[in-house]
Amino acid sequence: YVLVVVGMPLVGVAVFLHTWIWRPADPARRRVGWIAAAVLVLPALIGLWASYVEPERLRVDRVTLEPGAAAADSADAALRIGVVADIQTDGFGDYERKAVAAMLAEEPDVILVAGDITQAEWEDYLGIKAEGVEVLSGLDAPYGIFSIQGNTDPGPLEFASFSRDAEMEPLLDEVVEIEIRGRTLRIGGLAWPNNRRDAAAVFVQDFAATSSPDTFDLLLAHSPDAVRNLEEAGSLDLVVSGHTHGGQISIPFYGPIWNVTDLPRSVAGGGLHDVRGAPTYVSTGVGVQRGDAPEVRFLTRPSIAVLTVP
């Protein structure tokens, strides 16, 4: 990051000054100098955008699913499911409050918080916990807010305590059923890690096996890799996940350069996909990867989502 965003532009400035001060007599050589300087300086502009602008260009991803077996009798009975994933913050400020306000403005029936709420060392987490509780308790939905643990969250006991303090119901290998305007929404919340442990595979398989045509069966898993616990996931009506951040950086005609799943890169890029027969929505997330990673986004805007189930 430093080499590309700082080092190359400095070389570009040097080329520009050299071309300007010791102006070559040959016009072709002067053009080469100006072009080389511009090309070398361009990464600085991209770096500024990716570091300070795009990470907070929050968008609302509004997705309507195809009608399924448990479709509503009328448009008024459609389910609106809010998704907030990967806030992944080390401090709750104006941007995180903006994400909460954006979700409230969509007025969903339920809100799913798909893991990675924080990313901080234990002592730092304790310092931001109270503010996080205050910010997230601002979320409101008539049929509840449900959360699952991600890989950057604290352990399951502390995560469950944080969630309850923030008026969210943690689902750690648990199932909840909600009646919404005559329809039954069944949510299976998967604890982390949601693929590489025997209990996760058993939970997903049991949840899929007990699905019903009379219910809308939604698997909430931090990583979309959870679907890999099933050879055929067609009995699930929807899988909701995050974890990938949409790759954070995308290259035109190639897609995300960062894929933290075992699924195709196109799935990691976010949005609605068919994975093993199950409609699978992958959020690009609200925040960015922290720690040693550059906190950047490029051509991959952060998002919250509202999924409409006809």
Protein backbone atom coordinates (compact mmCIF):
# COMPACT_ATOMS: atom_id res chain seq x y z
CA TYR A 1 0.00 0.00 0.00
CA VAL A 2 2.77 2.45 0.96
CA LEU A 3 4.79 1.53 -2.13
CA VAL A 4 1.90 2.08 -4.54
CA VAL A 5 0.07 5.00 -2.87
CA VAL A 6 3.10 6.94 -1.60
CA GLY A 7 6.25 5.61 -3.28
CA MET A 8 5.12 5.59 -6.91
CA PRO A 9 3.54 9.09 -6.73
CA LEU A 10 6.77 10.49 -5.28
CA VAL A 11 8.62 9.09 -8.26
CA GLY A 12 5.95 10.71 -10.44
CA VAL A 13 6.56 14.08 -8.80
CA ALA A 14 10.29 13.65 -9.42
CA VAL A 15 9.65 12.84 -13.10
CA PHE A 16 7.37 15.88 -13.40
CA LEU A 17 9.95 18.23 -11.84
CA HIS A 18 12.72 16.79 -13.99
CA THR A 19 10.65 17.26 -17.15
CA TRP A 20 9.64 20.78 -16.15
CA ILE A 21 13.03 22.07 -14.98
CA TRP A 22 15.24 20.34 -17.55
CA ARG A 23 12.70 20.53 -20.35
CA PRO A 24 13.80 18.17 -23.16
CA ALA A 25 14.16 19.82 -26.54
CA ASP A 26 12.40 16.91 -28.24
CA PRO A 27 8.57 17.35 -27.93
CA ALA A 28 8.09 13.57 -27.98
CA ARG A 29 10.37 13.16 -24.95
CA ARG A 30 8.50 15.94 -23.13
CA ARG A 31 5.17 14.16 -23.77
CA VAL A 32 6.63 10.92 -22.46
CA GLY A 33 7.73 12.74 -19.29
CA TRP A 34 4.32 14.32 -18.68
CA ILE A 35 2.49 11.03 -19.33
CA ALA A 36 4.86 9.06 -17.09
CA ALA A 37 4.45 11.61 -14.28
CA ALA A 38 0.64 11.50 -14.56
CA VAL A 39 0.55 7.68 -14.55
CA LEU A 40 2.83 7.51 -11.49
CA VAL A 41 0.85 10.14 -9.55
CA LEU A 42 -2.55 8.54 -10.28
CA PRO A 43 -2.24 5.85 -7.54
CA ALA A 44 -2.11 8.62 -4.91
CA LEU A 45 -5.51 9.89 -6.04
CA ILE A 46 -6.90 6.34 -6.06
CA GLY A 47 -5.40 5.75 -2.61
CA LEU A 48 -7.03 8.88 -1.19
CA TRP A 49 -10.39 7.84 -2.63
CA ALA A 50 -10.04 4.25 -1.40
CA SER A 51 -8.89 5.29 2.07
CA TYR A 52 -11.08 8.29 2.89
CA VAL A 53 -14.08 8.39 0.55
CA GLU A 54 -15.35 4.99 -0.56
CA PRO A 55 -15.16 3.30 2.88
CA GLU A 56 -17.99 5.58 4.02
CA ARG A 57 -20.05 5.70 0.78
CA LEU A 58 -22.71 3.54 2.37
CA ARG A 59 -25.43 2.30 0.04
CA VAL A 60 -28.68 0.44 0.62
CA ASP A 61 -28.86 -2.80 -1.33
CA ARG A 62 -32.53 -3.52 -2.04
CA VAL A 63 -33.11 -7.05 -3.31
CA THR A 64 -36.38 -8.80 -4.11
CA LEU A 65 -36.35 -12.58 -4.10
CA GLU A 66 -38.23 -14.77 -6.54
CA PRO A 67 -41.57 -15.99 -5.14
CA GLY A 68 -41.19 -19.41 -3.55
CA ALA A 69 -43.41 -22.14 -2.17
CA ALA A 70 -44.19 -20.06 0.92
CA ALA A 71 -45.01 -16.90 -1.04
CA ALA A 72 -47.40 -14.35 0.45
CA ASP A 73 -50.99 -14.12 -0.70
CA SER A 74 -50.63 -10.37 -1.33
CA ALA A 75 -47.96 -7.71 -1.69
CA ASP A 76 -48.89 -6.32 1.73
CA ALA A 77 -47.78 -9.58 3.34
CA ALA A 78 -44.26 -9.51 1.83
CA LEU A 79 -41.46 -9.89 4.38
CA ARG A 80 -38.82 -7.16 4.63
CA ILE A 81 -35.58 -8.42 6.12
CA GLY A 82 -32.86 -5.93 7.06
CA VAL A 83 -29.23 -7.06 6.94
CA VAL A 84 -26.31 -5.42 8.72
CA ALA A 85 -22.97 -7.22 8.47
CA ASP A 86 -19.33 -6.58 9.27
CA ILE A 87 -19.51 -3.25 11.04
CA GLN A 88 -16.09 -4.43 12.19
CA THR A 89 -15.18 -1.25 14.02
CA ASP A 90 -12.68 -0.30 16.70
CA GLY A 91 -14.80 2.71 17.68
CA PHE A 92 -18.46 3.65 17.27
CA GLY A 93 -18.78 7.09 15.72
CA ASP A 94 -20.80 9.10 13.22
CA TYR A 95 -20.40 6.56 10.43
CA GLU A 96 -21.73 3.65 12.49
CA ARG A 97 -24.65 5.81 13.63
CA LYS A 98 -25.29 6.67 9.98
CA ALA A 99 -25.56 2.95 9.17
CA VAL A 100 -28.07 2.43 11.99
CA ALA A 101 -30.12 5.42 10.83
CA ALA A 102 -30.10 4.16 7.25
CA MET A 103 -31.45 0.81 8.37
CA LEU A 104 -34.17 2.40 10.50
CA ALA A 105 -35.28 4.48 7.51
CA GLU A 106 -35.99 1.26 5.56
CA GLU A 107 -38.48 0.06 8.22
CA PRO A 108 -37.78 -3.70 7.91
CA ASP A 109 -39.87 -6.32 9.71
CA VAL A 110 -36.78 -7.95 11.22
CA ILE A 111 -33.10 -7.04 11.29
CA LEU A 112 -30.29 -9.59 11.01
CA VAL A 113 -26.84 -8.61 12.28
CA ALA A 114 -24.55 -11.08 10.53
CA GLY A 115 -21.44 -10.95 12.71
CA ASP A 116 -18.15 -9.05 13.02
CA ILE A 117 -19.59 -6.13 14.94
CA THR A 118 -16.20 -5.17 16.37
CA GLN A 119 -12.54 -5.80 15.64
CA ALA A 120 -10.38 -4.79 18.57
CA GLU A 121 -8.02 -6.22 21.14
CA TRP A 122 -9.71 -7.20 24.39
CA GLU A 123 -8.78 -4.07 26.35
CA ASP A 124 -9.81 -1.83 23.45
CA TYR A 125 -13.05 -3.78 23.07
CA LEU A 126 -13.89 -3.16 26.72
CA GLY A 127 -13.33 0.54 26.10
CA ILE A 128 -15.82 0.70 23.21
CA LYS A 129 -18.36 -1.83 24.47
CA ALA A 130 -20.69 0.66 26.21
CA GLU A 131 -20.77 2.95 23.18
CA GLY A 132 -21.41 -0.03 20.90
CA VAL A 133 -24.34 -1.10 23.05
CA GLU A 134 -25.73 2.43 22.93
CA VAL A 135 -25.41 2.71 19.13
CA LEU A 136 -26.79 -0.73 18.26
CA SER A 137 -29.65 -0.49 20.71
CA GLY A 138 -30.89 2.22 18.33
CA LEU A 139 -31.82 -0.51 15.84
CA ASP A 140 -35.53 -1.24 15.91
CA ALA A 141 -37.80 -3.66 14.06
CA PRO A 142 -41.30 -4.79 15.03
CA TYR A 143 -40.45 -8.50 14.93
CA GLY A 144 -37.00 -8.37 16.46
CA ILE A 145 -33.26 -7.97 15.89
CA PHE A 146 -31.16 -11.14 15.74
CA SER A 147 -27.37 -11.38 15.83
CA ILE A 148 -24.71 -14.00 15.22
CA GLN A 149 -21.04 -14.07 16.13
CA GLY A 150 -18.34 -13.42 13.51
CA ASN A 151 -14.64 -14.21 13.51
CA THR A 152 -13.55 -10.77 14.81
CA ASP A 153 -16.13 -10.65 17.62
CA PRO A 154 -15.28 -11.67 21.20
CA GLY A 155 -16.04 -15.20 22.40
CA PRO A 156 -19.59 -16.58 22.39
CA LEU A 157 -20.42 -15.80 26.03
CA GLU A 158 -19.26 -12.19 25.79
CA PHE A 159 -20.86 -11.79 22.37
CA ALA A 160 -24.19 -13.05 23.70
CA SER A 161 -23.94 -10.65 26.65
CA PHE A 162 -23.12 -7.71 24.34
CA SER A 163 -26.03 -8.59 22.05
CA ARG A 164 -28.56 -8.78 24.86
CA ASP A 165 -27.32 -5.48 26.30
CA ALA A 166 -27.89 -3.95 22.84
CA GLU A 167 -31.42 -5.42 22.73
CA MET A 168 -30.52 -7.98 20.08
CA GLU A 169 -31.27 -11.69 20.41
CA PRO A 170 -28.11 -13.76 19.85
CA LEU A 171 -28.55 -16.96 17.87
CA LEU A 172 -25.61 -19.30 18.44
CA ASP A 173 -26.61 -22.62 16.88
CA GLU A 174 -30.21 -21.77 17.71
CA VAL A 175 -33.49 -21.55 15.83
CA VAL A 176 -36.25 -19.02 16.32
CA GLU A 177 -39.71 -18.93 14.72
CA ILE A 178 -41.58 -15.65 14.17
CA GLU A 179 -45.12 -15.12 12.99
CA ILE A 180 -45.33 -12.12 10.64
CA ARG A 181 -48.70 -11.25 9.15
CA GLY A 182 -49.78 -14.87 8.99
CA ARG A 183 -46.43 -16.20 7.73
CA THR A 184 -43.84 -18.15 9.71
CA LEU A 185 -40.25 -16.96 9.40
CA ARG A 186 -37.84 -19.55 10.75
CA ILE A 187 -34.30 -18.30 11.39
CA GLY A 188 -31.40 -20.63 12.15
CA GLY A 189 -28.47 -18.66 13.54
CA LEU A 190 -25.12 -20.38 13.22
CA ALA A 191 -22.28 -19.86 15.69
CA TRP A 192 -18.70 -19.28 14.54
CA PRO A 193 -16.83 -21.01 13.02
CA ASN A 194 -19.73 -21.96 10.80
CA ASN A 195 -18.10 -24.48 8.49
CA ARG A 196 -15.02 -26.09 9.99
CA ARG A 197 -16.54 -27.72 13.06
CA ASP A 198 -18.69 -30.80 13.43
CA ALA A 199 -21.42 -29.02 15.42
CA ALA A 200 -21.90 -26.48 12.60
CA ALA A 201 -22.40 -29.21 10.03
CA VAL A 202 -24.88 -31.00 12.27
CA PHE A 203 -26.81 -27.79 12.95
CA VAL A 204 -27.08 -26.83 9.27
CA GLN A 205 -28.08 -30.34 8.25
CA ASP A 206 -30.72 -30.55 11.00
CA PHE A 207 -32.05 -27.09 10.15
CA ALA A 208 -32.40 -28.00 6.47
CA ALA A 209 -33.94 -31.37 7.28
CA THR A 210 -36.64 -29.78 9.45
CA SER A 211 -37.58 -27.13 6.91
CA SER A 212 -41.16 -27.05 5.69
CA PRO A 213 -43.07 -25.75 2.65
CA ASP A 214 -45.27 -23.89 5.13
CA THR A 215 -42.40 -21.86 6.61
CA PHE A 216 -39.78 -19.50 5.22
CA ASP A 217 -36.51 -21.11 6.33
CA LEU A 218 -33.58 -18.68 6.59
CA LEU A 219 -30.06 -19.70 7.58
CA LEU A 220 -28.09 -16.82 9.10
CA ALA A 221 -24.36 -17.57 8.92
CA HIS A 222 -21.42 -15.21 9.12
CA SER A 223 -19.64 -16.80 6.14
CA PRO A 224 -21.41 -18.11 3.06
CA ASP A 225 -19.18 -21.19 3.37
CA ALA A 226 -21.82 -22.48 5.77
CA VAL A 227 -23.76 -23.72 2.73
CA ARG A 228 -20.89 -26.12 2.04
CA ASN A 229 -22.19 -28.22 4.95
CA LEU A 230 -24.94 -29.35 2.57
CA GLU A 231 -24.54 -31.24 -0.69
CA GLU A 232 -27.91 -29.85 -1.75
CA ALA A 233 -29.25 -26.71 -0.04
CA GLY A 234 -32.48 -26.45 -2.01
CA SER A 235 -34.63 -27.00 1.08
CA LEU A 236 -33.47 -23.62 2.42
CA ASP A 237 -35.41 -20.56 1.27
CA LEU A 238 -32.57 -18.13 1.93
CA VAL A 239 -29.04 -17.94 3.32
CA VAL A 240 -27.82 -14.58 4.64
CA SER A 241 -24.14 -13.95 5.32
CA GLY A 242 -21.31 -11.43 5.23
CA HIS A 243 -17.61 -11.99 6.05
CA THR A 244 -16.23 -11.29 2.56
CA HIS A 245 -16.64 -7.49 2.54
CA GLY A 246 -17.28 -7.94 -1.18
CA GLY A 247 -13.52 -8.34 -1.50
CA GLN A 248 -13.07 -4.68 -0.43
CA ILE A 249 -11.08 -4.07 -3.62
CA SER A 250 -12.42 -4.98 -7.06
CA ILE A 251 -10.73 -4.80 -10.44
CA PRO A 252 -12.87 -4.14 -13.53
CA PHE A 253 -13.52 -7.31 -15.60
CA TYR A 254 -11.90 -9.41 -12.85
CA GLY A 255 -13.88 -8.80 -9.69
CA PRO A 256 -12.80 -8.89 -6.04
CA ILE A 257 -9.13 -9.60 -5.43
CA TRP A 258 -9.75 -10.80 -1.87
CA ASN A 259 -11.75 -14.01 -1.42
CA VAL A 260 -11.92 -15.39 2.12
CA THR A 261 -14.31 -18.21 1.21
CA ASP A 262 -14.06 -21.52 -0.60
CA LEU A 263 -16.85 -20.38 -2.90
CA PRO A 264 -16.39 -18.72 -6.31
CA ARG A 265 -15.03 -15.18 -6.40
CA SER A 266 -18.31 -13.94 -7.85
CA VAL A 267 -20.12 -15.05 -4.67
CA ALA A 268 -17.51 -13.38 -2.48
CA GLY A 269 -18.14 -10.16 -4.41
CA GLY A 270 -21.52 -9.84 -2.72
CA GLY A 271 -25.15 -9.84 -3.74
CA LEU A 272 -27.66 -12.60 -4.33
CA HIS A 273 -26.43 -15.92 -5.77
CA ASP A 274 -27.58 -19.50 -6.12
CA VAL A 275 -25.28 -21.68 -4.02
CA ARG A 276 -26.03 -25.40 -4.07
CA GLY A 277 -29.65 -24.65 -4.82
CA ALA A 278 -30.16 -22.06 -2.07
CA PRO A 279 -30.63 -18.32 -2.71
CA THR A 280 -27.62 -16.92 -0.86
CA TYR A 281 -27.23 -13.22 -0.10
CA VAL A 282 -23.70 -12.04 0.73
CA SER A 283 -23.40 -8.54 2.20
CA THR A 284 -20.46 -6.33 1.25
CA GLY A 285 -20.51 -5.16 4.88
CA VAL A 286 -20.47 -1.80 6.61
CA GLY A 287 -16.85 -1.60 7.72
CA VAL A 288 -13.39 -2.66 6.60
CA GLN A 289 -10.79 -5.23 7.62
CA ARG A 290 -8.54 -3.79 10.33
CA GLY A 291 -5.34 -4.90 12.00
CA ASP A 292 -2.47 -5.24 9.53
CA ALA A 293 -4.71 -4.79 6.47
CA PRO A 294 -5.05 -1.40 4.73
CA GLU A 295 -8.45 0.03 5.67
CA VAL A 296 -9.53 0.67 2.09
CA ARG A 297 -12.35 0.01 -0.36
CA PHE A 298 -12.18 0.43 -4.10
CA LEU A 299 -15.09 -0.24 -6.47
CA THR A 300 -16.75 -2.13 -3.60
CA ARG A 301 -18.99 0.17 -1.62
CA PRO A 302 -20.06 -0.70 1.92
CA SER A 303 -23.72 -1.55 2.32
CA ILE A 304 -26.67 -2.48 4.39
CA ALA A 305 -29.47 -4.44 2.73
CA VAL A 306 -33.20 -4.91 2.68
CA LEU A 307 -34.33 -8.24 1.28
CA THR A 308 -37.96 -8.41 0.23
CA VAL A 309 -39.56 -11.85 0.29
CA PRO A 310 -42.76 -11.88 -1.82
